[in-house]
Amino acid sequence: MKYIDSHCHLYKFNEIEIKRIIKNRDIIILSVSEDLESSLKNLVLSQLNENVIPAVGIHPWNVENVNENTFKIIEDIIKENKIKILGEIGLDKKFKPETFEKQKEIFEKFLNLAKEYDLNLNLHTPNASNEVFDLLIKHDIKKAYFHWYSGDEKLLEEIIDKGYFIGINVATIINEKYKRYIEIANIKNIITESDGPYNYKGIILHPDLLKDLYKLISNIRKIDLEELSNIIQTNFARLIY
């Protein structure tokens, strides 16, 4: 049975733990980036491990020093390495409201890159899901993934109507409110993720927790685990290919 981790900061784990994680061929990991350095680290990890898929980008927390040269380097990385996914990119009004205008400027540049190179998007959207969605529509983006979705139910319907995907994070195991998204979202529009090694309420999120998350989704949706695994693999393939 295969498990999908569609949003993980694999490079942030220590070297021993990275080797242990990627040794498990039952887990496919999309490793997202936060800056140029991590984008390059993800490239190396993907070149060494067939079950690691690289995403490149600038996290909205890190936009202060981004300039035209930054985008020139990212564009070169995309062209030279046949990158298919931009991430982690987006907008954040919850943790970094003071840089929101700069975030928006940078995000729109990424949307332009996505259109030019037919790239998929792995999105960070705390308290800004509506703004991100509106910009996706404005730029006619076809494939997008709302990482660790926490927006309202009305927007969730619009996201699904557009064929976009939402992330069900392993934190759902300990946070009741996220279970609602499992209950109401179209099963064909959800993908699983860890966001490891993020520290959430004292727990280090990790790809190892995906097994428990799959059991939870299976129980809530009354779907056999093998069938669930196949559905999420299919959803993931629709996102990245």
C-alpha atoms as a PDB file:
ATOM      1  CA  MET A   1       0.000   0.000   0.000  1.00  0.00           C
ATOM      2  CA  LYS A   2       1.325   3.421  -0.999  1.00  0.00           C
ATOM      3  CA  TYR A   3       1.140   6.613   1.053  1.00  0.00           C
ATOM      4  CA  ILE A   4       1.322  10.116  -0.417  1.00  0.00           C
ATOM      5  CA  ASP A   5       2.996  13.014   1.359  1.00  0.00           C
ATOM      6  CA  SER A   6       2.182  15.930  -0.900  1.00  0.00           C
ATOM      7  CA  HIS A   7       3.766  18.585   1.314  1.00  0.00           C
ATOM      8  CA  CYS A   8       6.935  17.843   3.285  1.00  0.00           C
ATOM      9  CA  HIS A   9      10.095  19.837   4.017  1.00  0.00           C
ATOM     10  CA  LEU A  10      12.273  16.742   3.688  1.00  0.00           C
ATOM     11  CA  TYR A  11      15.558  18.670   3.655  1.00  0.00           C
ATOM     12  CA  LYS A  12      14.839  19.967   7.185  1.00  0.00           C
ATOM     13  CA  PHE A  13      15.196  16.528   8.761  1.00  0.00           C
ATOM     14  CA  ASN A  14      18.688  15.472   9.830  1.00  0.00           C
ATOM     15  CA  GLU A  15      20.688  13.314   7.436  1.00  0.00           C
ATOM     16  CA  ILE A  16      20.066  10.051   9.292  1.00  0.00           C
ATOM     17  CA  GLU A  17      16.318  10.668   9.407  1.00  0.00           C
ATOM     18  CA  ILE A  18      16.186  11.622   5.727  1.00  0.00           C
ATOM     19  CA  LYS A  19      17.817   8.316   4.820  1.00  0.00           C
ATOM     20  CA  ARG A  20      15.371   6.418   7.022  1.00  0.00           C
ATOM     21  CA  ILE A  21      12.345   8.206   5.540  1.00  0.00           C
ATOM     22  CA  ILE A  22      13.273   7.738   1.896  1.00  0.00           C
ATOM     23  CA  LYS A  23      14.271   4.114   2.463  1.00  0.00           C
ATOM     24  CA  ASN A  24      10.536   3.428   2.848  1.00  0.00           C
ATOM     25  CA  ARG A  25       9.452   2.968  -0.766  1.00  0.00           C
ATOM     26  CA  ASP A  26       5.813   2.882   0.303  1.00  0.00           C
ATOM     27  CA  ILE A  27       5.840   6.664   0.779  1.00  0.00           C
ATOM     28  CA  ILE A  28       6.015   9.115  -2.134  1.00  0.00           C
ATOM     29  CA  ILE A  29       7.140  12.552  -0.987  1.00  0.00           C
ATOM     30  CA  LEU A  30       6.679  15.913  -2.633  1.00  0.00           C
ATOM     31  CA  SER A  31       9.357  18.011  -0.952  1.00  0.00           C
ATOM     32  CA  VAL A  32       8.547  21.720  -0.987  1.00  0.00           C
ATOM     33  CA  SER A  33      11.032  24.582  -0.732  1.00  0.00           C
ATOM     34  CA  GLU A  34      11.246  27.834   1.214  1.00  0.00           C
ATOM     35  CA  ASP A  35      14.029  29.653  -0.640  1.00  0.00           C
ATOM     36  CA  LEU A  36      16.730  29.154  -3.257  1.00  0.00           C
ATOM     37  CA  GLU A  37      18.929  27.085  -0.948  1.00  0.00           C
ATOM     38  CA  SER A  38      16.185  24.604  -0.104  1.00  0.00           C
ATOM     39  CA  SER A  39      15.099  24.487  -3.757  1.00  0.00           C
ATOM     40  CA  LEU A  40      18.572  23.250  -4.671  1.00  0.00           C
ATOM     41  CA  LYS A  41      18.577  20.767  -1.779  1.00  0.00           C
ATOM     42  CA  ASN A  42      15.293  19.343  -3.038  1.00  0.00           C
ATOM     43  CA  LEU A  43      16.751  18.883  -6.499  1.00  0.00           C
ATOM     44  CA  VAL A  44      19.611  16.829  -5.078  1.00  0.00           C
ATOM     45  CA  LEU A  45      17.266  14.729  -2.940  1.00  0.00           C
ATOM     46  CA  SER A  46      15.048  13.998  -5.945  1.00  0.00           C
ATOM     47  CA  GLN A  47      18.003  13.075  -8.141  1.00  0.00           C
ATOM     48  CA  LEU A  48      19.188  10.563  -5.552  1.00  0.00           C
ATOM     49  CA  ASN A  49      15.780   9.126  -4.690  1.00  0.00           C
ATOM     50  CA  GLU A  50      13.046   8.180  -7.140  1.00  0.00           C
ATOM     51  CA  ASN A  51      10.305   8.460  -4.505  1.00  0.00           C
ATOM     52  CA  VAL A  52      11.076  12.169  -3.910  1.00  0.00           C
ATOM     53  CA  ILE A  53       9.494  14.827  -6.162  1.00  0.00           C
ATOM     54  CA  PRO A  54      10.976  18.344  -5.960  1.00  0.00           C
ATOM     55  CA  ALA A  55       9.068  21.625  -5.782  1.00  0.00           C
ATOM     56  CA  VAL A  56      10.872  24.957  -5.981  1.00  0.00           C
ATOM     57  CA  GLY A  57       9.775  28.320  -4.673  1.00  0.00           C
ATOM     58  CA  ILE A  58       9.936  31.074  -2.086  1.00  0.00           C
ATOM     59  CA  HIS A  59       7.835  30.751   1.053  1.00  0.00           C
ATOM     60  CA  PRO A  60       5.733  33.886   1.734  1.00  0.00           C
ATOM     61  CA  TRP A  61       7.588  34.285   5.048  1.00  0.00           C
ATOM     62  CA  ASN A  62      10.801  34.807   3.053  1.00  0.00           C
ATOM     63  CA  VAL A  63       9.848  37.455   0.495  1.00  0.00           C
ATOM     64  CA  GLU A  64      11.701  40.452   1.939  1.00  0.00           C
ATOM     65  CA  ASN A  65      14.927  40.004  -0.032  1.00  0.00           C
ATOM     66  CA  VAL A  66      13.477  38.504  -3.201  1.00  0.00           C
ATOM     67  CA  ASN A  67      14.390  40.396  -6.387  1.00  0.00           C
ATOM     68  CA  GLU A  68      14.478  39.942 -10.150  1.00  0.00           C
ATOM     69  CA  ASN A  69      17.714  37.958  -9.918  1.00  0.00           C
ATOM     70  CA  THR A  70      15.969  35.504  -7.595  1.00  0.00           C
ATOM     71  CA  PHE A  71      13.361  34.829 -10.255  1.00  0.00           C
ATOM     72  CA  LYS A  72      16.009  34.515 -12.959  1.00  0.00           C
ATOM     73  CA  ILE A  73      17.696  31.753 -10.925  1.00  0.00           C
ATOM     74  CA  ILE A  74      14.385  29.997 -10.239  1.00  0.00           C
ATOM     75  CA  GLU A  75      13.460  30.162 -13.915  1.00  0.00           C
ATOM     76  CA  ASP A  76      16.832  28.618 -14.816  1.00  0.00           C
ATOM     77  CA  ILE A  77      16.243  25.827 -12.286  1.00  0.00           C
ATOM     78  CA  ILE A  78      12.823  25.152 -13.811  1.00  0.00           C
ATOM     79  CA  LYS A  79      14.140  24.992 -17.367  1.00  0.00           C
ATOM     80  CA  GLU A  80      17.276  22.978 -16.624  1.00  0.00           C
ATOM     81  CA  ASN A  81      15.607  20.394 -14.396  1.00  0.00           C
ATOM     82  CA  LYS A  82      12.135  20.039 -15.935  1.00  0.00           C
ATOM     83  CA  ILE A  83      10.485  21.141 -12.709  1.00  0.00           C
ATOM     84  CA  LYS A  84       6.718  20.591 -12.646  1.00  0.00           C
ATOM     85  CA  ILE A  85       5.709  22.134  -9.299  1.00  0.00           C
ATOM     86  CA  LEU A  86       6.128  25.521  -7.626  1.00  0.00           C
ATOM     87  CA  GLY A  87       5.951  25.449  -3.834  1.00  0.00           C
ATOM     88  CA  GLU A  88       5.786  26.419  -1.174  1.00  0.00           C
ATOM     89  CA  ILE A  89       4.356  29.682  -2.438  1.00  0.00           C
ATOM     90  CA  GLY A  90       1.309  31.763  -1.583  1.00  0.00           C
ATOM     91  CA  LEU A  91       0.002  34.405   0.803  1.00  0.00           C
ATOM     92  CA  ASP A  92      -0.114  34.629   4.607  1.00  0.00           C
ATOM     93  CA  LYS A  93      -2.236  37.103   6.555  1.00  0.00           C
ATOM     94  CA  LYS A  94      -2.109  35.045   9.754  1.00  0.00           C
ATOM     95  CA  PHE A  95       1.590  34.887  10.590  1.00  0.00           C
ATOM     96  CA  LYS A  96       3.086  37.618   8.354  1.00  0.00           C
ATOM     97  CA  PRO A  97       0.425  40.287   7.705  1.00  0.00           C
ATOM     98  CA  GLU A  98       3.066  43.038   7.734  1.00  0.00           C
ATOM     99  CA  THR A  99       4.571  41.840   4.412  1.00  0.00           C
ATOM    100  CA  PHE A 100       1.288  41.046   2.669  1.00  0.00           C
ATOM    101  CA  GLU A 101       1.692  43.516  -0.205  1.00  0.00           C
ATOM    102  CA  LYS A 102       5.188  42.231  -0.946  1.00  0.00           C
ATOM    103  CA  GLN A 103       3.890  38.667  -0.701  1.00  0.00           C
ATOM    104  CA  LYS A 104       1.212  39.461  -3.255  1.00  0.00           C
ATOM    105  CA  GLU A 105       3.744  40.979  -5.643  1.00  0.00           C
ATOM    106  CA  ILE A 106       5.976  37.899  -5.409  1.00  0.00           C
ATOM    107  CA  PHE A 107       3.042  35.486  -5.656  1.00  0.00           C
ATOM    108  CA  GLU A 108       1.822  37.074  -8.876  1.00  0.00           C
ATOM    109  CA  LYS A 109       5.302  36.684 -10.352  1.00  0.00           C
ATOM    110  CA  PHE A 110       5.133  32.989  -9.511  1.00  0.00           C
ATOM    111  CA  LEU A 111       1.703  32.760 -11.122  1.00  0.00           C
ATOM    112  CA  ASN A 112       3.181  34.245 -14.289  1.00  0.00           C
ATOM    113  CA  LEU A 113       5.930  31.598 -14.205  1.00  0.00           C
ATOM    114  CA  ALA A 114       3.290  28.907 -13.690  1.00  0.00           C
ATOM    115  CA  LYS A 115       1.424  30.039 -16.794  1.00  0.00           C
ATOM    116  CA  GLU A 116       4.554  30.292 -18.910  1.00  0.00           C
ATOM    117  CA  TYR A 117       5.922  26.854 -17.988  1.00  0.00           C
ATOM    118  CA  ASP A 118       2.660  25.006 -17.284  1.00  0.00           C
ATOM    119  CA  LEU A 119       3.517  24.441 -13.629  1.00  0.00           C
ATOM    120  CA  ASN A 120       1.391  23.135 -10.784  1.00  0.00           C
ATOM    121  CA  LEU A 121       1.158  25.014  -7.492  1.00  0.00           C
ATOM    122  CA  ASN A 122       1.633  23.921  -3.879  1.00  0.00           C
ATOM    123  CA  LEU A 123       0.085  26.734  -1.859  1.00  0.00           C
ATOM    124  CA  HIS A 124       0.478  28.302   1.586  1.00  0.00           C
ATOM    125  CA  THR A 125      -2.708  30.238   2.431  1.00  0.00           C
ATOM    126  CA  PRO A 126      -3.263  30.958   6.196  1.00  0.00           C
ATOM    127  CA  ASN A 127      -6.090  33.523   6.513  1.00  0.00           C
ATOM    128  CA  ALA A 128      -5.625  34.281   2.813  1.00  0.00           C
ATOM    129  CA  SER A 129      -7.342  31.392   1.038  1.00  0.00           C
ATOM    130  CA  ASN A 130      -9.888  33.664  -0.631  1.00  0.00           C
ATOM    131  CA  GLU A 131      -7.243  36.052  -1.945  1.00  0.00           C
ATOM    132  CA  VAL A 132      -5.169  33.157  -3.256  1.00  0.00           C
ATOM    133  CA  PHE A 133      -8.199  31.586  -4.942  1.00  0.00           C
ATOM    134  CA  ASP A 134      -9.143  34.873  -6.629  1.00  0.00           C
ATOM    135  CA  LEU A 135      -5.619  35.240  -8.009  1.00  0.00           C
ATOM    136  CA  LEU A 136      -5.658  31.667  -9.332  1.00  0.00           C
ATOM    137  CA  ILE A 137      -8.830  32.486 -11.239  1.00  0.00           C
ATOM    138  CA  LYS A 138      -7.418  35.802 -12.453  1.00  0.00           C
ATOM    139  CA  HIS A 139      -4.356  34.039 -13.864  1.00  0.00           C
ATOM    140  CA  ASP A 140      -6.320  31.047 -15.194  1.00  0.00           C
ATOM    141  CA  ILE A 141      -4.318  28.493 -13.197  1.00  0.00           C
ATOM    142  CA  LYS A 142      -5.412  24.929 -13.982  1.00  0.00           C
ATOM    143  CA  LYS A 143      -3.754  22.861 -11.242  1.00  0.00           C
ATOM    144  CA  ALA A 144      -3.328  23.932  -7.633  1.00  0.00           C
ATOM    145  CA  TYR A 145      -3.098  22.383  -4.184  1.00  0.00           C
ATOM    146  CA  PHE A 146      -4.186  24.213  -1.028  1.00  0.00           C
ATOM    147  CA  HIS A 147      -1.723  22.846   1.519  1.00  0.00           C
ATOM    148  CA  TRP A 148      -3.232  22.087   4.956  1.00  0.00           C
ATOM    149  CA  TYR A 149      -6.542  23.648   4.025  1.00  0.00           C
ATOM    150  CA  SER A 150      -8.195  25.606   6.853  1.00  0.00           C
ATOM    151  CA  GLY A 151     -10.530  27.961   4.988  1.00  0.00           C
ATOM    152  CA  ASP A 152     -14.308  28.159   5.107  1.00  0.00           C
ATOM    153  CA  GLU A 153     -16.702  25.596   3.662  1.00  0.00           C
ATOM    154  CA  LYS A 154     -18.091  27.894   0.969  1.00  0.00           C
ATOM    155  CA  LEU A 155     -14.634  28.457  -0.478  1.00  0.00           C
ATOM    156  CA  LEU A 156     -13.951  24.732  -0.237  1.00  0.00           C
ATOM    157  CA  GLU A 157     -16.881  24.143  -2.590  1.00  0.00           C
ATOM    158  CA  GLU A 158     -15.464  26.675  -5.060  1.00  0.00           C
ATOM    159  CA  ILE A 159     -11.993  25.126  -4.861  1.00  0.00           C
ATOM    160  CA  ILE A 160     -13.414  21.702  -5.646  1.00  0.00           C
ATOM    161  CA  ASP A 161     -15.652  23.058  -8.431  1.00  0.00           C
ATOM    162  CA  LYS A 162     -12.500  24.395 -10.111  1.00  0.00           C
ATOM    163  CA  GLY A 163     -10.836  20.988  -9.837  1.00  0.00           C
ATOM    164  CA  TYR A 164      -8.202  22.146  -7.355  1.00  0.00           C
ATOM    165  CA  PHE A 165      -7.049  19.985  -4.445  1.00  0.00           C
ATOM    166  CA  ILE A 166      -6.895  20.424  -0.669  1.00  0.00           C
ATOM    167  CA  GLY A 167      -4.359  18.980   1.742  1.00  0.00           C
ATOM    168  CA  ILE A 168      -5.455  16.810   4.657  1.00  0.00           C
ATOM    169  CA  ASN A 169      -2.623  17.102   7.149  1.00  0.00           C
ATOM    170  CA  VAL A 170      -1.534  14.483   9.684  1.00  0.00           C
ATOM    171  CA  ALA A 171      -2.365  17.084  12.371  1.00  0.00           C
ATOM    172  CA  THR A 172      -5.990  16.082  11.767  1.00  0.00           C
ATOM    173  CA  ILE A 173      -5.261  13.087  13.990  1.00  0.00           C
ATOM    174  CA  ILE A 174      -5.100  15.391  17.028  1.00  0.00           C
ATOM    175  CA  ASN A 175      -7.263  18.329  15.929  1.00  0.00           C
ATOM    176  CA  GLU A 176     -10.979  17.634  15.667  1.00  0.00           C
ATOM    177  CA  LYS A 177     -11.815  20.711  13.588  1.00  0.00           C
ATOM    178  CA  TYR A 178      -9.873  19.470  10.549  1.00  0.00           C
ATOM    179  CA  LYS A 179     -11.955  16.261  10.433  1.00  0.00           C
ATOM    180  CA  ARG A 180     -14.807  18.323   9.025  1.00  0.00           C
ATOM    181  CA  TYR A 181     -12.912  18.716   5.740  1.00  0.00           C
ATOM    182  CA  ILE A 182     -12.598  14.940   5.436  1.00  0.00           C
ATOM    183  CA  GLU A 183     -16.353  14.644   5.945  1.00  0.00           C
ATOM    184  CA  ILE A 184     -17.459  17.233   3.384  1.00  0.00           C
ATOM    185  CA  ALA A 185     -14.781  17.370   0.665  1.00  0.00           C
ATOM    186  CA  ASN A 186     -15.083  15.361  -2.525  1.00  0.00           C
ATOM    187  CA  ILE A 187     -12.761  12.388  -1.981  1.00  0.00           C
ATOM    188  CA  LYS A 188     -11.393  12.968  -5.500  1.00  0.00           C
ATOM    189  CA  ASN A 189     -10.055  16.370  -4.434  1.00  0.00           C
ATOM    190  CA  ILE A 190      -8.135  15.518  -1.273  1.00  0.00           C
ATOM    191  CA  ILE A 191      -4.480  14.569  -0.934  1.00  0.00           C
ATOM    192  CA  THR A 192      -2.590  13.688   2.228  1.00  0.00           C
ATOM    193  CA  GLU A 193       0.441  15.442   3.685  1.00  0.00           C
ATOM    194  CA  SER A 194       2.677  15.738   6.741  1.00  0.00           C
ATOM    195  CA  ASP A 195       4.291  19.214   6.535  1.00  0.00           C
ATOM    196  CA  GLY A 196       7.119  17.529   8.428  1.00  0.00           C
ATOM    197  CA  PRO A 197       9.095  18.408  10.451  1.00  0.00           C
ATOM    198  CA  TYR A 198       6.801  21.266  11.536  1.00  0.00           C
ATOM    199  CA  ASN A 199       6.209  21.445  15.299  1.00  0.00           C
ATOM    200  CA  TYR A 200       2.429  21.461  15.802  1.00  0.00           C
ATOM    201  CA  LYS A 201       1.237  21.783  19.405  1.00  0.00           C
ATOM    202  CA  GLY A 202       4.394  20.059  20.637  1.00  0.00           C
ATOM    203  CA  ILE A 203       4.213  17.224  18.101  1.00  0.00           C
ATOM    204  CA  ILE A 204       6.759  16.991  15.290  1.00  0.00           C
ATOM    205  CA  LEU A 205       4.753  16.259  12.149  1.00  0.00           C
ATOM    206  CA  HIS A 206       6.263  13.391  10.174  1.00  0.00           C
ATOM    207  CA  PRO A 207       5.580  11.158   7.145  1.00  0.00           C
ATOM    208  CA  ASP A 208       5.395   8.216   9.580  1.00  0.00           C
ATOM    209  CA  LEU A 209       2.041   9.602  10.765  1.00  0.00           C
ATOM    210  CA  LEU A 210       0.444   9.078   7.358  1.00  0.00           C
ATOM    211  CA  LYS A 211      -0.567   5.519   8.283  1.00  0.00           C
ATOM    212  CA  ASP A 212      -2.678   6.817  11.159  1.00  0.00           C
ATOM    213  CA  LEU A 213      -4.136   9.548   8.962  1.00  0.00           C
ATOM    214  CA  TYR A 214      -5.178   7.021   6.308  1.00  0.00           C
ATOM    215  CA  LYS A 215      -6.898   4.929   8.974  1.00  0.00           C
ATOM    216  CA  LEU A 216      -8.750   8.034  10.165  1.00  0.00           C
ATOM    217  CA  ILE A 217      -9.898   8.977   6.653  1.00  0.00           C
ATOM    218  CA  SER A 218     -10.871   5.365   5.983  1.00  0.00           C
ATOM    219  CA  ASN A 219     -13.036   5.289   9.102  1.00  0.00           C
ATOM    220  CA  ILE A 220     -14.688   8.666   8.475  1.00  0.00           C
ATOM    221  CA  ARG A 221     -15.455   8.008   4.807  1.00  0.00           C
ATOM    222  CA  LYS A 222     -16.118   4.271   5.189  1.00  0.00           C
ATOM    223  CA  ILE A 223     -13.591   3.425   2.484  1.00  0.00           C
ATOM    224  CA  ASP A 224     -11.310   0.394   2.509  1.00  0.00           C
ATOM    225  CA  LEU A 225      -7.665   1.360   3.119  1.00  0.00           C
ATOM    226  CA  GLU A 226      -6.415  -0.093  -0.171  1.00  0.00           C
ATOM    227  CA  GLU A 227      -9.149   1.700  -2.096  1.00  0.00           C
ATOM    228  CA  LEU A 228      -8.358   4.936  -0.261  1.00  0.00           C
ATOM    229  CA  SER A 229      -4.679   4.582  -1.107  1.00  0.00           C
ATOM    230  CA  ASN A 230      -5.524   4.101  -4.790  1.00  0.00           C
ATOM    231  CA  ILE A 231      -7.829   7.144  -4.796  1.00  0.00           C
ATOM    232  CA  ILE A 232      -5.232   9.422  -3.220  1.00  0.00           C
ATOM    233  CA  GLN A 233      -2.519   8.162  -5.571  1.00  0.00           C
ATOM    234  CA  THR A 234      -4.819   8.947  -8.503  1.00  0.00           C
ATOM    235  CA  ASN A 235      -5.557  12.419  -7.117  1.00  0.00           C
ATOM    236  CA  PHE A 236      -1.848  13.079  -6.681  1.00  0.00           C
ATOM    237  CA  ALA A 237      -1.100  11.958 -10.227  1.00  0.00           C
ATOM    238  CA  ARG A 238      -3.807  14.302 -11.535  1.00  0.00           C
ATOM    239  CA  LEU A 239      -2.136  17.160  -9.666  1.00  0.00           C
ATOM    240  CA  ILE A 240       1.468  16.651 -10.692  1.00  0.00           C
ATOM    241  CA  TYR A 241       1.145  15.303 -14.252  1.00  0.00           C
END
